[in-house]
Amino acid sequence: MPGLRKRSVNLVGHATSLALEPEFWAVLEDAAAARGQSLAALIQSVDRERSERPLASACRVFALEHVTQLALSPRPPPVID
């Protein structure tokens, strides 16, 4: 697995950097797209809800919850020709 990838984000008017594995960045990008928001807006939302948890950990937990929700959501039956 590749190492951490660091990105800068603006949270409540100040820049901070966040280091996550590329796989978590991919899930966060997909979640942001599914919600129709930017990655920065999604991370700001995670930041507001995280309480005492470090931001990187909160983002990983959010990503885990997102993929779990996708896995548990009902899927339409396959189309058979």
Protein backbone atom coordinates (compact mmCIF):
# COMPACT_ATOMS: atom_id res chain seq x y z
CA MET A 1 0.00 0.00 0.00
CA PRO A 2 1.38 3.43 -0.88
CA GLY A 3 2.20 5.86 1.91
CA LEU A 4 0.23 8.80 3.13
CA ARG A 5 -0.74 11.57 0.76
CA LYS A 6 -0.85 15.04 2.26
CA ARG A 7 -3.28 17.74 1.14
CA SER A 8 -3.96 21.25 2.35
CA VAL A 9 -7.51 22.23 3.28
CA ASN A 10 -9.03 25.44 4.54
CA LEU A 11 -11.01 24.96 7.75
CA VAL A 12 -12.82 27.88 9.33
CA GLY A 13 -10.54 30.39 7.67
CA HIS A 14 -7.21 28.73 8.36
CA ALA A 15 -5.15 26.34 6.26
CA THR A 16 -4.26 22.95 7.64
CA SER A 17 -2.76 19.85 6.13
CA LEU A 18 -4.29 16.42 6.28
CA ALA A 19 -2.41 13.19 5.57
CA LEU A 20 -4.40 10.11 4.55
CA GLU A 21 -3.80 6.99 2.53
CA PRO A 22 -4.77 7.35 -1.16
CA GLU A 23 -7.59 4.83 -0.69
CA PHE A 24 -9.24 7.07 1.92
CA TRP A 25 -8.84 10.13 -0.31
CA ALA A 26 -10.60 8.20 -3.10
CA VAL A 27 -13.56 7.32 -0.85
CA LEU A 28 -13.83 10.90 0.40
CA GLU A 29 -13.81 12.21 -3.17
CA ASP A 30 -16.56 9.75 -4.13
CA ALA A 31 -18.61 10.70 -1.08
CA ALA A 32 -18.26 14.40 -1.87
CA ALA A 33 -19.34 13.80 -5.47
CA ALA A 34 -22.32 11.72 -4.32
CA ARG A 35 -23.40 14.61 -2.08
CA GLY A 36 -22.82 17.19 -4.80
CA GLN A 37 -20.23 19.06 -2.80
CA SER A 38 -16.53 19.75 -2.99
CA LEU A 39 -13.99 17.68 -1.13
CA ALA A 40 -13.19 20.74 1.00
CA ALA A 41 -16.86 21.15 1.96
CA LEU A 42 -17.08 17.47 2.92
CA ILE A 43 -13.97 17.72 5.10
CA GLN A 44 -15.35 20.87 6.73
CA SER A 45 -18.50 18.90 7.56
CA VAL A 46 -16.45 16.05 9.04
CA ASP A 47 -14.45 18.62 11.03
CA ARG A 48 -17.60 20.15 12.53
CA GLU A 49 -18.89 16.74 13.66
CA ARG A 50 -15.67 15.16 14.95
CA SER A 51 -15.65 16.36 18.60
CA GLU A 52 -12.31 15.37 20.18
CA ARG A 53 -11.21 12.89 17.49
CA PRO A 54 -8.24 13.97 15.33
CA LEU A 55 -9.33 15.14 11.88
CA ALA A 56 -7.48 12.39 10.00
CA SER A 57 -9.12 9.74 12.18
CA ALA A 58 -12.53 11.34 11.74
CA CYS A 59 -12.06 11.31 7.95
CA ARG A 60 -11.12 7.62 8.03
CA VAL A 61 -14.16 6.78 10.16
CA PHE A 62 -16.39 8.81 7.83
CA ALA A 63 -14.96 6.93 4.83
CA LEU A 64 -15.57 3.58 6.55
CA GLU A 65 -19.14 4.56 7.37
CA HIS A 66 -19.68 5.73 3.78
CA VAL A 67 -18.54 2.46 2.18
CA THR A 68 -20.44 0.45 4.80
CA GLN A 69 -23.61 2.37 3.97
CA LEU A 70 -23.05 1.74 0.26
CA ALA A 71 -22.54 -1.97 0.89
CA LEU A 72 -25.72 -2.23 2.96
CA SER A 73 -27.95 -0.14 0.72
CA PRO A 74 -30.42 -2.05 -1.45
CA ARG A 75 -29.36 -2.42 -5.03
CA PRO A 76 -31.67 -2.77 -7.99
CA PRO A 77 -31.79 -6.26 -9.48
CA PRO A 78 -29.52 -6.83 -12.47
CA VAL A 79 -31.01 -6.36 -15.92
CA ILE A 80 -31.24 -9.64 -17.78
CA ASP A 81 -31.52 -9.45 -21.55
